[in-house]
Amino acid sequence: MTVTDTATDTTPALTGTWTADTVHSELGFKVRHMGVGKAGGTLAMNHATLTFGEQGIPDGSVTVSVDAQSVETKNDQRNNHVRSDDFLDVANHPTIDFTSTGVRNFDGETFELDGDLTIRGITKPITLNAEFLGAIVDPYGKDRVGFAATATINRKDFGVKFSPVFGVSNAVVSDKVELSIEAEFIRDEA
């Protein structure tokens, strides 16, 4: 099969274990900046494993590990600041991790994915608003699925307390962080 061939019309069964295609997966983030704009960036996914249960998505689970050092904000000075102990403290906490604990309200496309998020060694429960984007057999004969998800977290819940203006936490960088995840997974070969 060549790269120019299109995906087949065959939809793979949502069973078994799948591994993230890390080249086509990333975590994005945005925060309010100075109260008038938004600044953000991306982080690279190290590894993620998706396991579908007997019912597919409703009883599936996922674990994700993101490389905190990989932060990219299109500004080297800001990249280094976000990596510092003011924010992610990558020297002591090289990964950001998520482990799902359950799926709720699956309607065939959208669902809520509950799980535990760990940033800077602090683990808190969060809920991702997730969307199943589809399943195909790709041009290389691999079973592939795609998902997107969003959530909003409070950075202070994870020990990110940076505030350049003493006593005013939202003056430069808001406490709320908008997360967005785009992920493709390929079925593990037996």
N, C-alpha and C. Protein backbone atom coordinates (compact mmCIF):
# COMPACT_ATOMS: atom_id res chain seq x y z
N MET A 1 0.84 -1.17 0.00
CA MET A 1 0.00 0.00 0.00
C MET A 1 0.89 1.24 0.00
N THR A 2 0.53 2.23 -0.75
CA THR A 2 1.33 3.45 -0.82
C THR A 2 0.73 4.54 0.05
N VAL A 3 1.51 5.56 0.30
CA VAL A 3 1.05 6.68 1.12
C VAL A 3 -0.13 7.38 0.47
N THR A 4 -0.23 7.34 -0.84
CA THR A 4 -1.31 8.05 -1.52
C THR A 4 -2.64 7.32 -1.46
N ASP A 5 -2.63 6.04 -1.08
CA ASP A 5 -3.89 5.31 -0.93
C ASP A 5 -4.70 5.93 0.20
N THR A 6 -6.00 5.88 0.10
CA THR A 6 -6.84 6.41 1.18
C THR A 6 -7.16 5.32 2.17
N ALA A 7 -7.64 5.74 3.34
CA ALA A 7 -8.04 4.78 4.37
C ALA A 7 -9.21 3.95 3.84
N THR A 8 -9.30 2.74 4.33
CA THR A 8 -10.40 1.87 3.91
C THR A 8 -11.68 2.27 4.61
N ASP A 9 -12.79 1.75 4.13
CA ASP A 9 -14.08 2.02 4.76
C ASP A 9 -14.31 1.12 5.97
N THR A 10 -13.40 0.22 6.24
CA THR A 10 -13.55 -0.69 7.36
C THR A 10 -13.28 0.05 8.66
N THR A 11 -14.21 -0.06 9.59
CA THR A 11 -14.03 0.55 10.91
C THR A 11 -13.58 -0.53 11.87
N PRO A 12 -12.41 -0.36 12.50
CA PRO A 12 -11.92 -1.38 13.42
C PRO A 12 -12.76 -1.45 14.70
N ALA A 13 -12.82 -2.63 15.27
CA ALA A 13 -13.52 -2.82 16.54
C ALA A 13 -12.76 -2.11 17.65
N LEU A 14 -13.49 -1.50 18.57
CA LEU A 14 -12.88 -0.80 19.69
C LEU A 14 -12.66 -1.78 20.82
N THR A 15 -11.63 -2.59 20.66
CA THR A 15 -11.25 -3.60 21.65
C THR A 15 -9.74 -3.58 21.82
N GLY A 16 -9.28 -4.15 22.92
CA GLY A 16 -7.85 -4.33 23.11
C GLY A 16 -7.11 -3.09 23.57
N THR A 17 -5.78 -3.15 23.40
CA THR A 17 -4.88 -2.10 23.87
C THR A 17 -4.30 -1.34 22.69
N TRP A 18 -4.24 -0.03 22.84
CA TRP A 18 -3.76 0.87 21.80
C TRP A 18 -2.69 1.78 22.40
N THR A 19 -1.72 2.19 21.57
CA THR A 19 -0.65 3.07 22.02
C THR A 19 -0.71 4.37 21.23
N ALA A 20 -0.47 5.48 21.91
CA ALA A 20 -0.54 6.79 21.26
C ALA A 20 0.47 6.91 20.13
N ASP A 21 0.02 7.49 19.04
CA ASP A 21 0.90 7.93 17.97
C ASP A 21 1.38 9.31 18.42
N THR A 22 2.52 9.36 19.09
CA THR A 22 2.97 10.59 19.74
C THR A 22 3.30 11.70 18.75
N VAL A 23 3.55 11.35 17.49
CA VAL A 23 3.80 12.36 16.47
C VAL A 23 2.52 13.14 16.16
N HIS A 24 1.39 12.50 16.36
CA HIS A 24 0.09 13.11 16.05
C HIS A 24 -0.74 13.34 17.31
N SER A 25 -0.08 13.58 18.42
CA SER A 25 -0.77 13.80 19.70
C SER A 25 -0.04 14.89 20.48
N GLU A 26 -0.82 15.75 21.16
CA GLU A 26 -0.18 16.78 21.98
C GLU A 26 -1.16 17.33 23.01
N LEU A 27 -0.57 17.97 24.00
CA LEU A 27 -1.33 18.68 25.03
C LEU A 27 -1.12 20.17 24.81
N GLY A 28 -2.21 20.91 24.72
CA GLY A 28 -2.12 22.36 24.59
C GLY A 28 -2.60 23.02 25.87
N PHE A 29 -2.14 24.25 26.11
CA PHE A 29 -2.60 24.99 27.29
C PHE A 29 -2.70 26.47 26.94
N LYS A 30 -3.62 27.16 27.62
CA LYS A 30 -3.78 28.61 27.48
C LYS A 30 -4.11 29.19 28.84
N VAL A 31 -3.57 30.39 29.10
CA VAL A 31 -3.89 31.14 30.31
C VAL A 31 -4.16 32.59 29.91
N ARG A 32 -4.98 33.26 30.71
CA ARG A 32 -5.17 34.70 30.50
C ARG A 32 -3.87 35.39 30.86
N HIS A 33 -3.50 36.38 30.07
CA HIS A 33 -2.27 37.13 30.29
C HIS A 33 -2.62 38.60 30.46
N MET A 34 -2.22 39.17 31.60
CA MET A 34 -2.47 40.58 31.92
C MET A 34 -3.96 40.92 31.90
N GLY A 35 -4.80 39.91 31.94
CA GLY A 35 -6.24 40.13 31.97
C GLY A 35 -6.85 40.54 30.65
N VAL A 36 -6.04 40.70 29.60
CA VAL A 36 -6.58 41.18 28.33
C VAL A 36 -6.34 40.25 27.15
N GLY A 37 -5.51 39.25 27.32
CA GLY A 37 -5.21 38.34 26.23
C GLY A 37 -5.00 36.94 26.75
N LYS A 38 -4.59 36.06 25.86
CA LYS A 38 -4.27 34.70 26.25
C LYS A 38 -2.91 34.33 25.69
N ALA A 39 -2.15 33.60 26.49
CA ALA A 39 -0.87 33.06 26.06
C ALA A 39 -0.94 31.56 26.27
N GLY A 40 -0.23 30.83 25.45
CA GLY A 40 -0.31 29.38 25.59
C GLY A 40 0.85 28.68 24.93
N GLY A 41 0.71 27.38 24.84
CA GLY A 41 1.75 26.57 24.25
C GLY A 41 1.32 25.13 24.16
N THR A 42 2.30 24.29 23.86
CA THR A 42 2.06 22.85 23.73
C THR A 42 3.12 22.07 24.48
N LEU A 43 2.80 20.83 24.78
CA LEU A 43 3.74 19.88 25.36
C LEU A 43 3.62 18.57 24.59
N ALA A 44 4.73 17.87 24.46
CA ALA A 44 4.75 16.61 23.72
C ALA A 44 4.34 15.44 24.60
N MET A 45 3.60 14.54 24.02
CA MET A 45 3.19 13.33 24.73
C MET A 45 4.35 12.33 24.69
N ASN A 46 4.80 11.87 25.85
CA ASN A 46 5.83 10.84 25.94
C ASN A 46 5.27 9.49 25.53
N HIS A 47 4.16 9.15 26.19
CA HIS A 47 3.58 7.82 26.02
C HIS A 47 2.14 7.87 26.51
N ALA A 48 1.30 7.12 25.86
CA ALA A 48 -0.08 6.97 26.33
C ALA A 48 -0.58 5.60 25.90
N THR A 49 -1.34 4.98 26.77
CA THR A 49 -1.93 3.68 26.49
C THR A 49 -3.43 3.77 26.71
N LEU A 50 -4.17 3.27 25.75
CA LEU A 50 -5.63 3.25 25.79
C LEU A 50 -6.06 1.79 25.76
N THR A 51 -6.92 1.42 26.69
CA THR A 51 -7.45 0.05 26.72
C THR A 51 -8.96 0.13 26.65
N PHE A 52 -9.53 -0.53 25.65
CA PHE A 52 -10.98 -0.60 25.54
C PHE A 52 -11.47 -1.83 26.28
N GLY A 53 -12.55 -1.69 27.04
CA GLY A 53 -13.16 -2.82 27.71
C GLY A 53 -14.11 -3.54 26.77
N GLU A 54 -14.89 -4.46 27.30
CA GLU A 54 -15.83 -5.23 26.49
C GLU A 54 -16.87 -4.33 25.83
N GLN A 55 -17.20 -3.21 26.46
CA GLN A 55 -18.19 -2.28 25.91
C GLN A 55 -17.55 -1.17 25.08
N GLY A 56 -16.25 -1.25 24.82
CA GLY A 56 -15.58 -0.21 24.06
C GLY A 56 -15.23 0.98 24.92
N ILE A 57 -15.65 2.16 24.50
CA ILE A 57 -15.31 3.40 25.22
C ILE A 57 -15.90 3.45 26.62
N PRO A 58 -17.17 3.06 26.84
CA PRO A 58 -17.75 3.22 28.18
C PRO A 58 -16.99 2.54 29.32
N ASP A 59 -16.30 1.46 29.05
CA ASP A 59 -15.52 0.83 30.12
C ASP A 59 -14.03 0.78 29.78
N GLY A 60 -13.59 1.76 28.99
CA GLY A 60 -12.18 1.86 28.63
C GLY A 60 -11.39 2.63 29.67
N SER A 61 -10.08 2.67 29.48
CA SER A 61 -9.21 3.43 30.37
C SER A 61 -8.01 3.95 29.58
N VAL A 62 -7.39 4.99 30.11
CA VAL A 62 -6.23 5.58 29.45
C VAL A 62 -5.23 6.07 30.49
N THR A 63 -3.96 5.93 30.17
CA THR A 63 -2.89 6.54 30.95
C THR A 63 -2.05 7.36 29.99
N VAL A 64 -1.63 8.55 30.44
CA VAL A 64 -0.88 9.47 29.59
C VAL A 64 0.29 10.03 30.38
N SER A 65 1.44 10.12 29.72
CA SER A 65 2.61 10.78 30.31
C SER A 65 3.10 11.83 29.32
N VAL A 66 3.23 13.06 29.80
CA VAL A 66 3.64 14.19 28.97
C VAL A 66 5.02 14.67 29.44
N ASP A 67 5.89 14.96 28.49
CA ASP A 67 7.24 15.46 28.78
C ASP A 67 7.18 16.94 29.15
N ALA A 68 7.33 17.26 30.43
CA ALA A 68 7.24 18.65 30.89
C ALA A 68 8.34 19.52 30.29
N GLN A 69 9.50 18.94 30.02
CA GLN A 69 10.62 19.68 29.42
C GLN A 69 10.28 20.16 28.01
N SER A 70 9.33 19.50 27.35
CA SER A 70 9.02 19.79 25.94
C SER A 70 8.17 21.04 25.74
N VAL A 71 7.86 21.77 26.79
CA VAL A 71 6.99 22.94 26.67
C VAL A 71 7.48 23.87 25.55
N GLU A 72 6.54 24.26 24.70
CA GLU A 72 6.85 25.15 23.57
C GLU A 72 5.81 26.26 23.51
N THR A 73 6.28 27.51 23.73
CA THR A 73 5.38 28.67 23.73
C THR A 73 5.73 29.67 22.63
N LYS A 74 6.64 29.31 21.75
CA LYS A 74 7.11 30.18 20.66
C LYS A 74 7.93 31.36 21.18
N ASN A 75 8.51 31.20 22.38
CA ASN A 75 9.36 32.23 22.96
C ASN A 75 10.32 31.53 23.92
N ASP A 76 11.62 31.54 23.58
CA ASP A 76 12.60 30.80 24.39
C ASP A 76 12.64 31.25 25.84
N GLN A 77 12.56 32.55 26.08
CA GLN A 77 12.59 33.05 27.46
C GLN A 77 11.38 32.52 28.24
N ARG A 78 10.21 32.57 27.62
CA ARG A 78 9.00 32.06 28.30
C ARG A 78 9.08 30.55 28.47
N ASN A 79 9.59 29.82 27.46
CA ASN A 79 9.75 28.37 27.59
C ASN A 79 10.55 28.04 28.84
N ASN A 80 11.69 28.71 29.00
CA ASN A 80 12.56 28.45 30.15
C ASN A 80 11.88 28.84 31.46
N HIS A 81 11.10 29.93 31.45
CA HIS A 81 10.40 30.33 32.67
C HIS A 81 9.34 29.30 33.05
N VAL A 82 8.59 28.81 32.07
CA VAL A 82 7.56 27.79 32.37
C VAL A 82 8.21 26.51 32.88
N ARG A 83 9.41 26.19 32.40
CA ARG A 83 10.12 24.99 32.88
C ARG A 83 10.68 25.18 34.30
N SER A 84 10.86 26.41 34.73
CA SER A 84 11.49 26.70 36.02
C SER A 84 10.59 26.33 37.19
N ASP A 85 11.14 26.47 38.41
CA ASP A 85 10.34 26.13 39.60
C ASP A 85 9.22 27.14 39.86
N ASP A 86 9.16 28.24 39.11
CA ASP A 86 8.00 29.13 39.21
C ASP A 86 6.73 28.46 38.67
N PHE A 87 6.92 27.54 37.72
CA PHE A 87 5.77 26.90 37.09
C PHE A 87 5.87 25.37 37.18
N LEU A 88 6.43 24.71 36.16
CA LEU A 88 6.40 23.23 36.11
C LEU A 88 7.51 22.56 36.91
N ASP A 89 8.60 23.26 37.21
CA ASP A 89 9.71 22.68 37.97
C ASP A 89 10.16 21.36 37.36
N VAL A 90 10.52 21.40 36.06
CA VAL A 90 10.85 20.17 35.33
C VAL A 90 12.09 19.47 35.87
N ALA A 91 12.98 20.20 36.54
CA ALA A 91 14.16 19.55 37.11
C ALA A 91 13.78 18.50 38.15
N ASN A 92 12.71 18.75 38.88
CA ASN A 92 12.25 17.82 39.91
C ASN A 92 11.02 17.01 39.49
N HIS A 93 10.31 17.48 38.47
CA HIS A 93 9.07 16.82 38.03
C HIS A 93 9.05 16.77 36.51
N PRO A 94 9.76 15.81 35.92
CA PRO A 94 9.94 15.79 34.46
C PRO A 94 8.70 15.40 33.65
N THR A 95 7.67 14.87 34.29
CA THR A 95 6.48 14.47 33.54
C THR A 95 5.21 15.04 34.17
N ILE A 96 4.20 15.15 33.34
CA ILE A 96 2.83 15.44 33.76
C ILE A 96 2.05 14.18 33.40
N ASP A 97 1.31 13.63 34.36
CA ASP A 97 0.68 12.33 34.14
C ASP A 97 -0.82 12.38 34.39
N PHE A 98 -1.55 11.57 33.63
CA PHE A 98 -3.00 11.44 33.79
C PHE A 98 -3.35 9.96 33.74
N THR A 99 -4.17 9.53 34.70
CA THR A 99 -4.69 8.16 34.72
C THR A 99 -6.20 8.24 34.88
N SER A 100 -6.92 7.68 33.92
CA SER A 100 -8.38 7.76 33.99
C SER A 100 -8.92 6.87 35.10
N THR A 101 -10.07 7.29 35.62
CA THR A 101 -10.75 6.50 36.67
C THR A 101 -12.17 6.13 36.26
N GLY A 102 -12.66 6.68 35.15
CA GLY A 102 -14.00 6.32 34.71
C GLY A 102 -14.50 7.17 33.56
N VAL A 103 -15.50 6.62 32.86
CA VAL A 103 -16.15 7.29 31.74
C VAL A 103 -17.61 7.50 32.12
N ARG A 104 -18.12 8.71 31.87
CA ARG A 104 -19.53 9.00 32.16
C ARG A 104 -20.18 9.63 30.94
N ASN A 105 -21.48 9.40 30.84
CA ASN A 105 -22.34 10.09 29.87
C ASN A 105 -21.89 9.93 28.42
N PHE A 106 -21.45 8.74 28.04
CA PHE A 106 -21.05 8.48 26.65
C PHE A 106 -22.29 8.41 25.77
N ASP A 107 -22.33 9.23 24.73
CA ASP A 107 -23.50 9.26 23.84
C ASP A 107 -23.19 8.76 22.43
N GLY A 108 -22.08 8.07 22.29
CA GLY A 108 -21.65 7.60 20.98
C GLY A 108 -20.58 8.48 20.37
N GLU A 109 -20.46 9.70 20.90
CA GLU A 109 -19.44 10.62 20.40
C GLU A 109 -18.76 11.39 21.53
N THR A 110 -19.54 12.02 22.39
CA THR A 110 -18.95 12.80 23.48
C THR A 110 -19.13 12.08 24.81
N PHE A 111 -18.25 12.42 25.76
CA PHE A 111 -18.32 11.80 27.08
C PHE A 111 -17.46 12.59 28.05
N GLU A 112 -17.62 12.28 29.32
CA GLU A 112 -16.78 12.86 30.36
C GLU A 112 -15.80 11.78 30.80
N LEU A 113 -14.54 12.14 30.85
CA LEU A 113 -13.49 11.22 31.26
C LEU A 113 -12.92 11.71 32.58
N ASP A 114 -13.21 10.98 33.65
CA ASP A 114 -12.69 11.31 34.97
C ASP A 114 -11.32 10.69 35.14
N GLY A 115 -10.46 11.38 35.90
CA GLY A 115 -9.15 10.81 36.14
C GLY A 115 -8.34 11.64 37.11
N ASP A 116 -7.13 11.16 37.36
CA ASP A 116 -6.20 11.82 38.27
C ASP A 116 -5.07 12.45 37.46
N LEU A 117 -4.90 13.76 37.62
CA LEU A 117 -3.86 14.52 36.95
C LEU A 117 -2.76 14.84 37.95
N THR A 118 -1.51 14.58 37.56
CA THR A 118 -0.36 14.86 38.42
C THR A 118 0.54 15.89 37.74
N ILE A 119 0.70 17.03 38.41
CA ILE A 119 1.60 18.09 37.98
C ILE A 119 2.44 18.48 39.19
N ARG A 120 3.77 18.58 39.01
CA ARG A 120 4.68 18.94 40.11
C ARG A 120 4.55 17.98 41.30
N GLY A 121 4.22 16.72 41.02
CA GLY A 121 4.11 15.72 42.07
C GLY A 121 2.82 15.79 42.87
N ILE A 122 1.91 16.67 42.49
CA ILE A 122 0.62 16.82 43.18
C ILE A 122 -0.46 16.23 42.29
N THR A 123 -1.24 15.30 42.85
CA THR A 123 -2.29 14.61 42.10
C THR A 123 -3.65 15.10 42.55
N LYS A 124 -4.48 15.47 41.57
CA LYS A 124 -5.84 15.94 41.83
C LYS A 124 -6.79 15.30 40.82
N PRO A 125 -8.05 15.05 41.24
CA PRO A 125 -9.03 14.54 40.28
C PRO A 125 -9.50 15.66 39.34
N ILE A 126 -9.66 15.32 38.06
CA ILE A 126 -10.22 16.27 37.10
C ILE A 126 -11.19 15.52 36.19
N THR A 127 -11.99 16.27 35.46
CA THR A 127 -12.87 15.70 34.45
C THR A 127 -12.56 16.36 33.12
N LEU A 128 -12.28 15.52 32.12
CA LEU A 128 -12.07 15.99 30.76
C LEU A 128 -13.38 15.88 29.99
N ASN A 129 -13.72 16.89 29.23
CA ASN A 129 -14.84 16.82 28.29
C ASN A 129 -14.26 16.29 26.99
N ALA A 130 -14.61 15.04 26.66
CA ALA A 130 -13.93 14.34 25.58
C ALA A 130 -14.85 14.08 24.40
N GLU A 131 -14.21 13.89 23.25
CA GLU A 131 -14.93 13.60 22.02
C GLU A 131 -14.21 12.48 21.28
N PHE A 132 -14.95 11.46 20.89
CA PHE A 132 -14.44 10.39 20.05
C PHE A 132 -14.50 10.90 18.61
N LEU A 133 -13.35 10.99 17.94
CA LEU A 133 -13.29 11.57 16.60
C LEU A 133 -13.43 10.55 15.49
N GLY A 134 -13.30 9.26 15.83
CA GLY A 134 -13.49 8.24 14.82
C GLY A 134 -12.45 7.14 14.88
N ALA A 135 -12.70 6.10 14.09
CA ALA A 135 -11.81 4.94 13.99
C ALA A 135 -11.70 4.56 12.53
N ILE A 136 -10.48 4.26 12.09
CA ILE A 136 -10.25 3.85 10.71
C ILE A 136 -9.16 2.79 10.66
N VAL A 137 -9.05 2.14 9.52
CA VAL A 137 -7.86 1.40 9.16
C VAL A 137 -7.09 2.35 8.25
N ASP A 138 -5.90 2.77 8.67
CA ASP A 138 -5.17 3.79 7.91
C ASP A 138 -4.53 3.20 6.65
N PRO A 139 -3.93 4.03 5.80
CA PRO A 139 -3.34 3.53 4.55
C PRO A 139 -2.22 2.52 4.74
N TYR A 140 -1.70 2.41 5.96
CA TYR A 140 -0.63 1.46 6.24
C TYR A 140 -1.15 0.16 6.83
N GLY A 141 -2.49 0.04 6.91
CA GLY A 141 -3.11 -1.16 7.45
C GLY A 141 -3.21 -1.19 8.96
N LYS A 142 -2.96 -0.07 9.61
CA LYS A 142 -3.02 0.01 11.08
C LYS A 142 -4.39 0.51 11.52
N ASP A 143 -4.94 -0.10 12.57
CA ASP A 143 -6.17 0.39 13.19
C ASP A 143 -5.82 1.65 13.97
N ARG A 144 -6.59 2.72 13.75
CA ARG A 144 -6.28 4.03 14.34
C ARG A 144 -7.57 4.66 14.86
N VAL A 145 -7.50 5.28 16.06
CA VAL A 145 -8.63 6.03 16.62
C VAL A 145 -8.14 7.40 17.04
N GLY A 146 -9.07 8.35 17.09
CA GLY A 146 -8.72 9.70 17.50
C GLY A 146 -9.67 10.24 18.54
N PHE A 147 -9.12 11.04 19.44
CA PHE A 147 -9.89 11.67 20.51
C PHE A 147 -9.43 13.11 20.68
N ALA A 148 -10.33 13.95 21.17
CA ALA A 148 -9.99 15.31 21.59
C ALA A 148 -10.62 15.51 22.96
N ALA A 149 -10.01 16.35 23.79
CA ALA A 149 -10.56 16.59 25.12
C ALA A 149 -10.14 17.96 25.61
N THR A 150 -10.95 18.52 26.49
CA THR A 150 -10.64 19.81 27.10
C THR A 150 -10.97 19.76 28.59
N ALA A 151 -10.31 20.62 29.34
CA ALA A 151 -10.58 20.78 30.77
C ALA A 151 -10.02 22.13 31.20
N THR A 152 -10.51 22.63 32.30
CA THR A 152 -9.95 23.83 32.92
C THR A 152 -9.53 23.46 34.33
N ILE A 153 -8.29 23.79 34.67
CA ILE A 153 -7.78 23.50 36.01
C ILE A 153 -7.32 24.81 36.66
N ASN A 154 -7.15 24.77 37.97
CA ASN A 154 -6.57 25.88 38.71
C ASN A 154 -5.11 25.53 38.98
N ARG A 155 -4.19 26.32 38.46
CA ARG A 155 -2.77 26.01 38.59
C ARG A 155 -2.32 25.94 40.05
N LYS A 156 -2.96 26.72 40.92
CA LYS A 156 -2.58 26.71 42.34
C LYS A 156 -2.87 25.37 43.00
N ASP A 157 -3.87 24.63 42.49
CA ASP A 157 -4.16 23.30 43.03
C ASP A 157 -2.97 22.36 42.86
N PHE A 158 -2.08 22.68 41.91
CA PHE A 158 -0.93 21.83 41.61
C PHE A 158 0.38 22.48 42.04
N GLY A 159 0.31 23.43 42.96
CA GLY A 159 1.51 24.04 43.51
C GLY A 159 2.16 25.08 42.62
N VAL A 160 1.48 25.54 41.58
CA VAL A 160 2.02 26.58 40.70
C VAL A 160 1.49 27.91 41.20
N LYS A 161 2.26 28.55 42.07
CA LYS A 161 1.79 29.74 42.77
C LYS A 161 2.47 31.02 42.30
N PHE A 162 3.20 30.98 41.20
CA PHE A 162 3.94 32.15 40.70
C PHE A 162 3.04 33.38 40.60
N SER A 163 3.54 34.49 41.17
CA SER A 163 2.83 35.77 41.09
C SER A 163 3.87 36.87 41.17
N PRO A 164 4.18 37.53 40.03
CA PRO A 164 5.21 38.57 40.06
C PRO A 164 4.78 39.83 40.81
N VAL A 165 3.48 40.00 41.00
CA VAL A 165 2.98 41.14 41.77
C VAL A 165 2.53 40.61 43.12
N PHE A 166 3.25 40.93 44.17
CA PHE A 166 3.00 40.37 45.49
C PHE A 166 1.53 40.52 45.89
N GLY A 167 0.93 39.39 46.24
CA GLY A 167 -0.43 39.38 46.76
C GLY A 167 -1.53 39.44 45.71
N VAL A 168 -1.16 39.56 44.43
CA VAL A 168 -2.17 39.63 43.37
C VAL A 168 -1.88 38.50 42.39
N SER A 169 -2.54 37.36 42.57
CA SER A 169 -2.18 36.17 41.80
C SER A 169 -2.56 36.24 40.34
N ASN A 170 -3.62 36.96 39.98
CA ASN A 170 -4.09 36.98 38.60
C ASN A 170 -3.57 38.17 37.79
N ALA A 171 -2.69 39.00 38.35
CA ALA A 171 -2.28 40.23 37.69
C ALA A 171 -1.59 39.98 36.35
N VAL A 172 -0.74 38.97 36.26
CA VAL A 172 0.00 38.69 35.03
C VAL A 172 -0.48 37.40 34.38
N VAL A 173 -0.58 36.34 35.16
CA VAL A 173 -0.99 35.03 34.65
C VAL A 173 -2.18 34.55 35.46
N SER A 174 -3.27 34.22 34.79
CA SER A 174 -4.47 33.78 35.52
C SER A 174 -4.23 32.46 36.24
N ASP A 175 -5.03 32.22 37.25
CA ASP A 175 -4.96 30.95 37.97
C ASP A 175 -5.56 29.82 37.14
N LYS A 176 -6.55 30.14 36.31
CA LYS A 176 -7.21 29.12 35.49
C LYS A 176 -6.37 28.83 34.25
N VAL A 177 -6.20 27.53 33.99
CA VAL A 177 -5.46 27.07 32.82
C VAL A 177 -6.40 26.21 31.98
N GLU A 178 -6.55 26.57 30.72
CA GLU A 178 -7.37 25.78 29.80
C GLU A 178 -6.48 24.73 29.14
N LEU A 179 -6.87 23.47 29.25
CA LEU A 179 -6.13 22.37 28.64
C LEU A 179 -6.88 21.86 27.43
N SER A 180 -6.13 21.45 26.41
CA SER A 180 -6.72 20.79 25.25
C SER A 180 -5.81 19.64 24.84
N ILE A 181 -6.41 18.52 24.55
CA ILE A 181 -5.66 17.33 24.18
C ILE A 181 -6.16 16.83 22.84
N GLU A 182 -5.23 16.54 21.96
CA GLU A 182 -5.54 15.88 20.69
C GLU A 182 -4.69 14.62 20.68
N ALA A 183 -5.32 13.47 20.46
CA ALA A 183 -4.56 12.22 20.52
C ALA A 183 -5.06 11.22 19.50
N GLU A 184 -4.11 10.57 18.84
CA GLU A 184 -4.40 9.44 17.97
C GLU A 184 -3.72 8.22 18.57
N PHE A 185 -4.41 7.09 18.49
CA PHE A 185 -3.89 5.84 19.03
C PHE A 185 -3.90 4.78 17.94
N ILE A 186 -2.89 3.91 17.97
CA ILE A 186 -2.79 2.79 17.04
C ILE A 186 -2.89 1.50 17.84
N ARG A 187 -3.71 0.56 17.33
CA ARG A 187 -3.89 -0.72 18.04
C ARG A 187 -2.55 -1.46 18.13
N ASP A 188 -2.26 -1.97 19.33
CA ASP A 188 -1.07 -2.79 19.52
C ASP A 188 -1.23 -4.09 18.75
N GLU A 189 -0.16 -4.53 18.12
CA GLU A 189 -0.21 -5.80 17.40
C GLU A 189 -0.09 -6.95 18.38
N ALA A 190 -0.82 -7.99 18.11
CA ALA A 190 -0.84 -9.15 19.02
C ALA A 190 0.45 -9.92 18.98
